[in-house]
């Protein structure tokens, strides 16, 4: 599944086309308000980030500081 970007004549991204399978995972309700969409998308993205974090190694304090410096 690919997410597509619609651009203007200058190549600037103006919109996103999301496959319906992904859309239904993010927003199962068809008649959601803008506020509901925003909250649901934020929750979905946060959940994805937390899932990815589970697979990340835990850094020591020194390793974390070195990473931040880079």
PDB file of N, CA and C in Angstrom:
ATOM      1  N   UNK A   1       0.841  -1.184   0.000  1.00  0.00           N
ATOM      2  CA  UNK A   1       0.000   0.000   0.000  1.00  0.00           C
ATOM      3  C   UNK A   1       0.880   1.238   0.000  1.00  0.00           C
ATOM      4  N   UNK A   2       0.567   2.118  -0.897  1.00  0.00           N
ATOM      5  CA  UNK A   2       1.359   3.344  -0.985  1.00  0.00           C
ATOM      6  C   UNK A   2       0.509   4.562  -0.680  1.00  0.00           C
ATOM      7  N   UNK A   3       1.102   5.481   0.027  1.00  0.00           N
ATOM      8  CA  UNK A   3       0.477   6.778   0.255  1.00  0.00           C
ATOM      9  C   UNK A   3       0.978   7.686  -0.850  1.00  0.00           C
ATOM     10  N   UNK A   4       0.068   8.379  -1.509  1.00  0.00           N
ATOM     11  CA  UNK A   4       0.443   9.258  -2.614  1.00  0.00           C
ATOM     12  C   UNK A   4       0.300  10.717  -2.195  1.00  0.00           C
ATOM     13  N   UNK A   5       1.148  11.550  -2.766  1.00  0.00           N
ATOM     14  CA  UNK A   5       1.103  12.982  -2.481  1.00  0.00           C
ATOM     15  C   UNK A   5       0.675  13.722  -3.742  1.00  0.00           C
ATOM     16  N   UNK A   6      -0.258  14.635  -3.601  1.00  0.00           N
ATOM     17  CA  UNK A   6      -0.674  15.484  -4.709  1.00  0.00           C
ATOM     18  C   UNK A   6       0.091  16.799  -4.581  1.00  0.00           C
ATOM     19  N   UNK A   7       0.635  17.244  -5.686  1.00  0.00           N
ATOM     20  CA  UNK A   7       1.439  18.462  -5.670  1.00  0.00           C
ATOM     21  C   UNK A   7       0.860  19.517  -6.601  1.00  0.00           C
ATOM     22  N   UNK A   8       1.243  20.759  -6.358  1.00  0.00           N
ATOM     23  CA  UNK A   8       0.840  21.829  -7.257  1.00  0.00           C
ATOM     24  C   UNK A   8       1.837  21.914  -8.408  1.00  0.00           C
ATOM     25  N   UNK A   9       1.671  22.885  -9.279  1.00  0.00           N
ATOM     26  CA  UNK A   9       2.541  22.984 -10.461  1.00  0.00           C
ATOM     27  C   UNK A   9       3.992  23.294 -10.102  1.00  0.00           C
ATOM     28  N   UNK A  10       4.246  23.705  -8.850  1.00  0.00           N
ATOM     29  CA  UNK A  10       5.610  23.991  -8.397  1.00  0.00           C
ATOM     30  C   UNK A  10       6.232  22.820  -7.651  1.00  0.00           C
ATOM     31  N   UNK A  11       5.487  21.729  -7.568  1.00  0.00           N
ATOM     32  CA  UNK A  11       5.999  20.552  -6.878  1.00  0.00           C
ATOM     33  C   UNK A  11       5.790  20.554  -5.375  1.00  0.00           C
ATOM     34  N   UNK A  12       5.065  21.536  -4.857  1.00  0.00           N
ATOM     35  CA  UNK A  12       4.789  21.611  -3.423  1.00  0.00           C
ATOM     36  C   UNK A  12       3.661  20.648  -3.077  1.00  0.00           C
ATOM     37  N   UNK A  13       3.832  19.854  -2.030  1.00  0.00           N
ATOM     38  CA  UNK A  13       2.808  18.913  -1.604  1.00  0.00           C
ATOM     39  C   UNK A  13       1.588  19.675  -1.094  1.00  0.00           C
ATOM     40  N   UNK A  14       0.413  19.293  -1.592  1.00  0.00           N
ATOM     41  CA  UNK A  14      -0.827  19.969  -1.219  1.00  0.00           C
ATOM     42  C   UNK A  14      -1.850  19.038  -0.586  1.00  0.00           C
ATOM     43  N   UNK A  15      -1.748  17.729  -0.855  1.00  0.00           N
ATOM     44  CA  UNK A  15      -2.714  16.782  -0.305  1.00  0.00           C
ATOM     45  C   UNK A  15      -2.095  15.391  -0.280  1.00  0.00           C
ATOM     46  N   UNK A  16      -2.745  14.510   0.469  1.00  0.00           N
ATOM     47  CA  UNK A  16      -2.270  13.144   0.603  1.00  0.00           C
ATOM     48  C   UNK A  16      -3.414  12.197   0.249  1.00  0.00           C
ATOM     49  N   UNK A  17      -3.103  11.171  -0.532  1.00  0.00           N
ATOM     50  CA  UNK A  17      -4.078  10.134  -0.844  1.00  0.00           C
ATOM     51  C   UNK A  17      -3.672   8.906  -0.037  1.00  0.00           C
ATOM     52  N   UNK A  18      -4.565   8.493   0.870  1.00  0.00           N
ATOM     53  CA  UNK A  18      -4.293   7.371   1.760  1.00  0.00           C
ATOM     54  C   UNK A  18      -5.155   6.189   1.319  1.00  0.00           C
ATOM     55  N   UNK A  19      -4.564   5.012   1.116  1.00  0.00           N
ATOM     56  CA  UNK A  19      -5.371   3.847   0.762  1.00  0.00           C
ATOM     57  C   UNK A  19      -6.467   3.604   1.798  1.00  0.00           C
ATOM     58  N   UNK A  20      -7.639   3.200   1.347  1.00  0.00           N
ATOM     59  CA  UNK A  20      -8.792   3.049   2.225  1.00  0.00           C
ATOM     60  C   UNK A  20      -8.539   2.049   3.345  1.00  0.00           C
ATOM     61  N   UNK A  21      -7.731   1.018   3.105  1.00  0.00           N
ATOM     62  CA  UNK A  21      -7.422   0.055   4.169  1.00  0.00           C
ATOM     63  C   UNK A  21      -6.715   0.731   5.341  1.00  0.00           C
ATOM     64  N   UNK A  22      -5.785   1.619   5.034  1.00  0.00           N
ATOM     65  CA  UNK A  22      -5.090   2.360   6.097  1.00  0.00           C
ATOM     66  C   UNK A  22      -6.054   3.350   6.741  1.00  0.00           C
ATOM     67  N   UNK A  23      -6.833   4.036   5.917  1.00  0.00           N
ATOM     68  CA  UNK A  23      -7.773   5.029   6.427  1.00  0.00           C
ATOM     69  C   UNK A  23      -8.729   4.408   7.437  1.00  0.00           C
ATOM     70  N   UNK A  24      -9.245   3.213   7.132  1.00  0.00           N
ATOM     71  CA  UNK A  24     -10.198   2.562   8.033  1.00  0.00           C
ATOM     72  C   UNK A  24      -9.539   2.146   9.347  1.00  0.00           C
ATOM     73  N   UNK A  25      -8.238   1.854   9.318  1.00  0.00           N
ATOM     74  CA  UNK A  25      -7.524   1.542  10.561  1.00  0.00           C
ATOM     75  C   UNK A  25      -7.367   2.795  11.413  1.00  0.00           C
ATOM     76  N   UNK A  26      -7.124   3.912  10.751  1.00  0.00           N
ATOM     77  CA  UNK A  26      -6.926   5.172  11.463  1.00  0.00           C
ATOM     78  C   UNK A  26      -8.257   5.748  11.928  1.00  0.00           C
ATOM     79  N   UNK A  27      -9.250   5.695  11.057  1.00  0.00           N
ATOM     80  CA  UNK A  27     -10.531   6.346  11.340  1.00  0.00           C
ATOM     81  C   UNK A  27     -11.693   5.455  10.921  1.00  0.00           C
ATOM     82  N   UNK A  28     -12.113   4.552  11.810  1.00  0.00           N
ATOM     83  CA  UNK A  28     -13.169   3.613  11.441  1.00  0.00           C
ATOM     84  C   UNK A  28     -14.550   4.243  11.243  1.00  0.00           C
ATOM     85  N   UNK A  29     -14.783   5.420  11.809  1.00  0.00           N
ATOM     86  CA  UNK A  29     -16.078   6.092  11.677  1.00  0.00           C
ATOM     87  C   UNK A  29     -16.130   6.922  10.397  1.00  0.00           C
ATOM     88  N   UNK A  30     -17.199   6.781   9.610  1.00  0.00           N
ATOM     89  CA  UNK A  30     -17.315   7.530   8.354  1.00  0.00           C
ATOM     90  C   UNK A  30     -17.708   8.992   8.549  1.00  0.00           C
ATOM     91  N   UNK A  31     -18.390   9.307   9.639  1.00  0.00           N
ATOM     92  CA  UNK A  31     -18.904  10.662   9.826  1.00  0.00           C
ATOM     93  C   UNK A  31     -18.207  11.405  10.972  1.00  0.00           C
ATOM     94  N   UNK A  32     -16.926  11.191  11.127  1.00  0.00           N
ATOM     95  CA  UNK A  32     -16.177  11.807  12.222  1.00  0.00           C
ATOM     96  C   UNK A  32     -15.969  13.300  11.979  1.00  0.00           C
ATOM     97  N   UNK A  33     -15.928  14.050  13.071  1.00  0.00           N
ATOM     98  CA  UNK A  33     -15.641  15.481  12.993  1.00  0.00           C
ATOM     99  C   UNK A  33     -14.134  15.680  12.814  1.00  0.00           C
ATOM    100  N   UNK A  34     -13.742  16.887  12.490  1.00  0.00           N
ATOM    101  CA  UNK A  34     -12.320  17.219  12.336  1.00  0.00           C
ATOM    102  C   UNK A  34     -11.586  16.931  13.637  1.00  0.00           C
ATOM    103  N   UNK A  35     -12.188  17.272  14.769  1.00  0.00           N
ATOM    104  CA  UNK A  35     -11.555  17.032  16.065  1.00  0.00           C
ATOM    105  C   UNK A  35     -11.343  15.541  16.307  1.00  0.00           C
ATOM    106  N   UNK A  36     -12.370  14.733  15.969  1.00  0.00           N
ATOM    107  CA  UNK A  36     -12.245  13.287  16.133  1.00  0.00           C
ATOM    108  C   UNK A  36     -11.165  12.722  15.220  1.00  0.00           C
ATOM    109  N   UNK A  37     -11.116  13.229  13.972  1.00  0.00           N
ATOM    110  CA  UNK A  37     -10.088  12.775  13.037  1.00  0.00           C
ATOM    111  C   UNK A  37      -8.702  13.088  13.561  1.00  0.00           C
ATOM    112  N   UNK A  38      -8.532  14.314  14.034  1.00  0.00           N
ATOM    113  CA  UNK A  38      -7.233  14.731  14.551  1.00  0.00           C
ATOM    114  C   UNK A  38      -6.803  13.866  15.729  1.00  0.00           C
ATOM    115  N   UNK A  39      -7.706  13.678  16.681  1.00  0.00           N
ATOM    116  CA  UNK A  39      -7.377  12.879  17.863  1.00  0.00           C
ATOM    117  C   UNK A  39      -7.082  11.425  17.492  1.00  0.00           C
ATOM    118  N   UNK A  40      -7.887  10.866  16.612  1.00  0.00           N
ATOM    119  CA  UNK A  40      -7.696   9.476  16.210  1.00  0.00           C
ATOM    120  C   UNK A  40      -6.371   9.293  15.473  1.00  0.00           C
ATOM    121  N   UNK A  41      -6.031  10.224  14.582  1.00  0.00           N
ATOM    122  CA  UNK A  41      -4.757  10.135  13.860  1.00  0.00           C
ATOM    123  C   UNK A  41      -3.576  10.280  14.799  1.00  0.00           C
ATOM    124  N   UNK A  42      -3.672  11.203  15.750  1.00  0.00           N
ATOM    125  CA  UNK A  42      -2.596  11.366  16.735  1.00  0.00           C
ATOM    126  C   UNK A  42      -2.407  10.081  17.541  1.00  0.00           C
ATOM    127  N   UNK A  43      -3.514   9.489  17.979  1.00  0.00           N
ATOM    128  CA  UNK A  43      -3.437   8.244  18.744  1.00  0.00           C
ATOM    129  C   UNK A  43      -2.838   7.114  17.913  1.00  0.00           C
ATOM    130  N   UNK A  44      -3.231   7.031  16.649  1.00  0.00           N
ATOM    131  CA  UNK A  44      -2.701   5.997  15.757  1.00  0.00           C
ATOM    132  C   UNK A  44      -1.185   6.163  15.593  1.00  0.00           C
ATOM    133  N   UNK A  45      -0.757   7.389  15.330  1.00  0.00           N
ATOM    134  CA  UNK A  45       0.670   7.651  15.133  1.00  0.00           C
ATOM    135  C   UNK A  45       1.467   7.410  16.413  1.00  0.00           C
ATOM    136  N   UNK A  46       0.919   7.818  17.543  1.00  0.00           N
ATOM    137  CA  UNK A  46       1.594   7.582  18.815  1.00  0.00           C
ATOM    138  C   UNK A  46       1.723   6.084  19.068  1.00  0.00           C
ATOM    139  N   UNK A  47       0.670   5.334  18.785  1.00  0.00           N
ATOM    140  CA  UNK A  47       0.716   3.883  18.942  1.00  0.00           C
ATOM    141  C   UNK A  47       1.784   3.255  18.065  1.00  0.00           C
ATOM    142  N   UNK A  48       1.882   3.719  16.814  1.00  0.00           N
ATOM    143  CA  UNK A  48       2.912   3.211  15.900  1.00  0.00           C
ATOM    144  C   UNK A  48       4.307   3.525  16.437  1.00  0.00           C
ATOM    145  N   UNK A  49       4.500   4.746  16.921  1.00  0.00           N
ATOM    146  CA  UNK A  49       5.804   5.140  17.467  1.00  0.00           C
ATOM    147  C   UNK A  49       6.157   4.294  18.689  1.00  0.00           C
ATOM    148  N   UNK A  50       5.166   4.017  19.526  1.00  0.00           N
ATOM    149  CA  UNK A  50       5.423   3.199  20.711  1.00  0.00           C
ATOM    150  C   UNK A  50       5.753   1.760  20.315  1.00  0.00           C
ATOM    151  N   UNK A  51       5.091   1.251  19.274  1.00  0.00           N
ATOM    152  CA  UNK A  51       5.413  -0.094  18.787  1.00  0.00           C
ATOM    153  C   UNK A  51       6.852  -0.159  18.280  1.00  0.00           C
ATOM    154  N   UNK A  52       7.266   0.867  17.536  1.00  0.00           N
ATOM    155  CA  UNK A  52       8.642   0.908  17.025  1.00  0.00           C
ATOM    156  C   UNK A  52       9.639   1.026  18.178  1.00  0.00           C
ATOM    157  N   UNK A  53       9.267   1.764  19.205  1.00  0.00           N
ATOM    158  CA  UNK A  53      10.171   1.958  20.349  1.00  0.00           C
ATOM    159  C   UNK A  53      10.447   0.644  21.071  1.00  0.00           C
ATOM    160  N   UNK A  54       9.480  -0.261  21.061  1.00  0.00           N
ATOM    161  CA  UNK A  54       9.669  -1.560  21.715  1.00  0.00           C
ATOM    162  C   UNK A  54      10.846  -2.316  21.117  1.00  0.00           C
ATOM    163  N   UNK A  55      11.091  -2.099  19.823  1.00  0.00           N
ATOM    164  CA  UNK A  55      12.167  -2.795  19.129  1.00  0.00           C
ATOM    165  C   UNK A  55      13.507  -2.068  19.219  1.00  0.00           C
ATOM    166  N   UNK A  56      13.508  -0.889  19.836  1.00  0.00           N
ATOM    167  CA  UNK A  56      14.738  -0.102  19.957  1.00  0.00           C
ATOM    168  C   UNK A  56      15.503  -0.524  21.206  1.00  0.00           C
ATOM    169  N   UNK A  57      16.810  -0.462  21.098  1.00  0.00           N
ATOM    170  CA  UNK A  57      17.593  -0.800  22.286  1.00  0.00           C
ATOM    171  C   UNK A  57      17.589   0.374  23.250  1.00  0.00           C
ATOM    172  N   UNK A  58      17.721   0.069  24.518  1.00  0.00           N
ATOM    173  CA  UNK A  58      17.771   1.091  25.561  1.00  0.00           C
ATOM    174  C   UNK A  58      19.212   1.565  25.665  1.00  0.00           C
ATOM    175  N   UNK A  59      19.380   2.888  25.589  1.00  0.00           N
ATOM    176  CA  UNK A  59      20.719   3.466  25.654  1.00  0.00           C
ATOM    177  C   UNK A  59      21.073   3.817  27.096  1.00  0.00           C
ATOM    178  N   UNK A  60      22.345   3.717  27.378  1.00  0.00           N
ATOM    179  CA  UNK A  60      22.821   4.206  28.672  1.00  0.00           C
ATOM    180  C   UNK A  60      22.794   5.729  28.632  1.00  0.00           C
ATOM    181  N   UNK A  61      23.003   6.349  29.760  1.00  0.00           N
ATOM    182  CA  UNK A  61      23.004   7.819  29.815  1.00  0.00           C
ATOM    183  C   UNK A  61      24.070   8.387  28.879  1.00  0.00           C
ATOM    184  N   UNK A  62      25.277   7.814  28.922  1.00  0.00           N
ATOM    185  CA  UNK A  62      26.368   8.300  28.075  1.00  0.00           C
ATOM    186  C   UNK A  62      26.055   8.094  26.591  1.00  0.00           C
ATOM    187  N   UNK A  63      25.494   6.936  26.254  1.00  0.00           N
ATOM    188  CA  UNK A  63      25.142   6.669  24.857  1.00  0.00           C
ATOM    189  C   UNK A  63      24.061   7.635  24.380  1.00  0.00           C
ATOM    190  N   UNK A  64      23.098   7.923  25.240  1.00  0.00           N
ATOM    191  CA  UNK A  64      22.019   8.843  24.879  1.00  0.00           C
ATOM    192  C   UNK A  64      22.563  10.253  24.655  1.00  0.00           C
ATOM    193  N   UNK A  65      23.450  10.711  25.534  1.00  0.00           N
ATOM    194  CA  UNK A  65      24.040  12.042  25.371  1.00  0.00           C
ATOM    195  C   UNK A  65      24.864  12.123  24.094  1.00  0.00           C
ATOM    196  N   UNK A  66      25.609  11.063  23.796  1.00  0.00           N
ATOM    197  CA  UNK A  66      26.402  11.021  22.565  1.00  0.00           C
ATOM    198  C   UNK A  66      25.486  11.072  21.340  1.00  0.00           C
ATOM    199  N   UNK A  67      24.380  10.333  21.396  1.00  0.00           N
ATOM    200  CA  UNK A  67      23.411  10.320  20.295  1.00  0.00           C
ATOM    201  C   UNK A  67      22.823  11.703  20.070  1.00  0.00           C
ATOM    202  N   UNK A  68      22.473  12.397  21.150  1.00  0.00           N
ATOM    203  CA  UNK A  68      21.897  13.742  21.052  1.00  0.00           C
ATOM    204  C   UNK A  68      22.908  14.707  20.439  1.00  0.00           C
ATOM    205  N   UNK A  69      24.173  14.575  20.802  1.00  0.00           N
ATOM    206  CA  UNK A  69      25.214  15.456  20.285  1.00  0.00           C
ATOM    207  C   UNK A  69      25.386  15.285  18.783  1.00  0.00           C
ATOM    208  N   UNK A  70      25.220  14.064  18.314  1.00  0.00           N
ATOM    209  CA  UNK A  70      25.387  13.789  16.885  1.00  0.00           C
ATOM    210  C   UNK A  70      24.200  14.312  16.152  1.00  0.00           C
TER     211      UNK A  70
END
